[in-house]
Amino acid sequence: EGEKRRKLRSMAYKKVCVEVLVRFFGEGGMRPVELIWADGRRYAVERVRFIERVPSHVPAVLPVRYTCIIGGREKFLYFEPERMRWFVEVSQ
């Protein structure tokens, strides 16, 4: 039953890899600054509210979720350290 529920939940979203400009801090850590879609649209990350390791709705290898304010709205941006890539979840 749990596996079936997980599959249904992941079917509601698709993973979309995005380009992200990132600021690295001298004392360690990083923050996304700008998200860039494949078609070239750019969105400034106004603020990062939370950084936490949580499961995503799509298959991913231990993602870190950044809860960001983009365009005045709260959005989730994920980073997969194992694959060194960023993605968002888009509802289907």
Protein backbone atom coordinates (compact mmCIF):
# COMPACT_ATOMS: atom_id res chain seq x y z
CA GLU A 1 0.00 0.00 0.00
CA GLY A 2 2.79 2.48 0.90
CA GLU A 3 4.65 1.80 -2.37
CA LYS A 4 1.44 2.34 -4.36
CA ARG A 5 0.80 5.66 -2.59
CA ARG A 6 4.39 6.80 -3.24
CA LYS A 7 4.08 6.00 -6.96
CA LEU A 8 0.79 7.88 -7.22
CA ARG A 9 2.28 10.90 -5.44
CA SER A 10 5.35 10.97 -7.71
CA MET A 11 3.12 10.75 -10.80
CA ALA A 12 1.55 14.09 -9.87
CA TYR A 13 4.91 15.86 -10.30
CA LYS A 14 7.76 15.81 -12.74
CA LYS A 15 11.37 16.73 -12.09
CA VAL A 16 12.66 19.66 -14.14
CA CYS A 17 16.40 20.31 -13.92
CA VAL A 18 17.26 24.01 -13.92
CA GLU A 19 20.37 26.14 -14.06
CA VAL A 20 21.02 28.03 -10.83
CA LEU A 21 23.47 30.82 -10.08
CA VAL A 22 24.87 30.18 -6.61
CA ARG A 23 26.79 32.30 -4.12
CA PHE A 24 29.41 30.41 -2.10
CA PHE A 25 30.39 31.87 1.26
CA GLY A 26 33.98 32.01 2.50
CA GLU A 27 33.07 30.37 5.80
CA GLY A 28 31.20 27.58 3.99
CA GLY A 29 27.72 27.11 2.65
CA MET A 30 25.96 28.25 -0.48
CA ARG A 31 22.79 30.09 -1.44
CA PRO A 32 20.92 30.12 -4.75
CA VAL A 33 20.79 33.61 -6.23
CA GLU A 34 18.99 33.13 -9.53
CA LEU A 35 17.03 30.33 -11.22
CA ILE A 36 17.26 30.03 -15.03
CA TRP A 37 14.76 27.96 -17.04
CA ALA A 38 15.85 26.09 -20.20
CA ASP A 39 14.08 28.74 -22.33
CA GLY A 40 16.24 31.50 -20.77
CA ARG A 41 13.69 33.00 -18.36
CA ARG A 42 15.42 34.19 -15.18
CA TYR A 43 14.01 34.55 -11.69
CA ALA A 44 15.83 36.15 -8.78
CA VAL A 45 15.81 34.27 -5.49
CA GLU A 46 14.77 37.06 -3.14
CA ARG A 47 15.33 35.08 0.04
CA VAL A 48 16.05 31.57 1.30
CA ARG A 49 13.76 30.79 4.24
CA PHE A 50 14.79 27.22 5.06
CA ILE A 51 17.36 24.64 4.03
CA GLU A 52 16.55 21.06 4.93
CA ARG A 53 17.09 17.51 3.75
CA VAL A 54 13.65 16.16 2.91
CA PRO A 55 12.30 13.66 0.38
CA SER A 56 10.95 15.11 -2.85
CA HIS A 57 7.84 13.99 -4.74
CA VAL A 58 10.02 12.80 -7.63
CA PRO A 59 12.90 10.31 -7.69
CA ALA A 60 16.05 12.03 -6.39
CA VAL A 61 19.24 11.08 -4.57
CA LEU A 62 19.13 12.61 -1.06
CA PRO A 63 18.02 16.09 -2.12
CA VAL A 64 18.43 19.25 -0.07
CA ARG A 65 15.31 21.41 -0.28
CA TYR A 66 15.71 25.19 -0.34
CA THR A 67 12.47 26.96 0.55
CA CYS A 68 12.86 30.19 -1.43
CA ILE A 69 10.95 33.37 -2.04
CA ILE A 70 10.82 33.92 -5.82
CA GLY A 71 8.55 36.59 -7.27
CA GLY A 72 7.10 37.19 -3.83
CA ARG A 73 5.92 33.57 -3.53
CA GLU A 74 7.29 30.59 -1.63
CA LYS A 75 8.82 27.98 -3.95
CA PHE A 76 10.86 24.81 -3.42
CA LEU A 77 14.21 24.42 -5.13
CA TYR A 78 16.10 21.14 -4.71
CA PHE A 79 19.82 20.36 -4.88
CA GLU A 80 21.15 16.83 -5.36
CA PRO A 81 24.73 16.81 -3.96
CA GLU A 82 25.49 13.36 -5.42
CA ARG A 83 24.71 14.54 -8.95
CA MET A 84 25.61 18.22 -8.44
CA ARG A 85 22.36 19.40 -10.03
CA TRP A 86 19.36 21.55 -9.16
CA PHE A 87 15.72 20.80 -9.93
CA VAL A 88 12.17 21.94 -9.26
CA GLU A 89 9.01 19.86 -9.08
CA VAL A 90 6.37 20.81 -11.61
CA SER A 91 2.82 19.51 -11.22
CA GLN A 92 1.57 17.54 -14.22
